[in-house]
Amino acid sequence: MNNFLKKKFEFKNGIFSFDIIDEKTKKVTEFYNEKPFPNYKDNDNKQTILNKGDKNILANQFKKFIGYKKNVLEVGCGTGQLSNYFAIGTNNNIVGLDPTMASLNLAKEFANNNKITNIQFVNADIFDDVLNDDSFHFIWTNGVLHHTKDPYGAFEILIKSLKKNGYVLVGLYNKFGRIRTILRRYIFKIFGRKIIEKIDPTLRNLKLDENEKVAWIRDQYIHPLESLHTFDEVLKWFKIHNIEFVSSIPSSDFDYDYEDIFEKKSQGTFFSRILNQFLMIFNSFGADGGLFVLIGRKK
């Protein structure tokens, strides 16, 4: 594991740990310390985590595409459910990085209890730049960078640790697609939880227990730090750091086939990208929070 880290660390409960200094990062860690998200259920084990991961089209395809004997980094892994999913049944080296120790303790406990040995957890702030350059074949950071003080600055640091020809998956809240959630946030502030449970599609349609409901409401409507982004903004990040566009969800063009997200697709035109982001307001992407994903390969 030391091959991944370029700074001195403490070893706490089997987790590589660095002091969290930045005040904005501390604010986010305090938020998740109160209610780690997502939490494990009492009956969760390897099989239940595999079942959850396999049902997630994005995670399932990502795991299959990784192959074997690869180094994989999940940035903002939280309680590590996805990192553990990526590790189960493979000989890949999985690293989960997150600034919230309470979340990582749950991740490590699950890995220990289920004898998942090909995974390590790092408690660190992205901006402290603790990872060695050119260390990982794959980087997954989905729903994370928009909860930092400087999403592009975080991306700039992380991309240094991606190997040449390695893949990065970036998921962010969209400026257009998140409009429905923003409107619901104002409703939540005025009318409270009862109304939100009736109009939030996730709360209304999925069978969530009480802890899951509370965690979802906090993450979507009370989070202390959030920013919104566009396709073209992330494409600019890719261009600056010599990252070739591979594909996006939703499509940047008019190709809505998501059966192979690692198949090279067209990034479309400015018009096609704007239109597809605008359409998120009216489809399931916008209903579920307005998250969009871009995948790129480092040249």
Foldseek 3Di string as FASTA:
>chain_A
DVQWFDDDFDQDPQATEDDDDDPLLVQQLVLCLVFFPPADDPPDALVVLLVVQCVPLVLVLVLVVQAAQFEEEEEQCTLPSSQLNSQPPGHYQYEYEHQHVSSPVNNVVRCVVHVRDRYHYYNDDLLVLTTDFQAGQEYEYAAHLQSDPDSLSSVVSVNRNHHAQGKYKYKAAAPQLQVVLVVVLVVCVVPNDVVCCVQQCCNVPDDDDPSNSVVVCCSRRVRPGGDHDFPVVVVVSCVVQQWAWAAKVPGLAPDRDVNNRRHRDDNHDPVSRVVVLNCSNPDPCSSNRRMMMTMTTHD
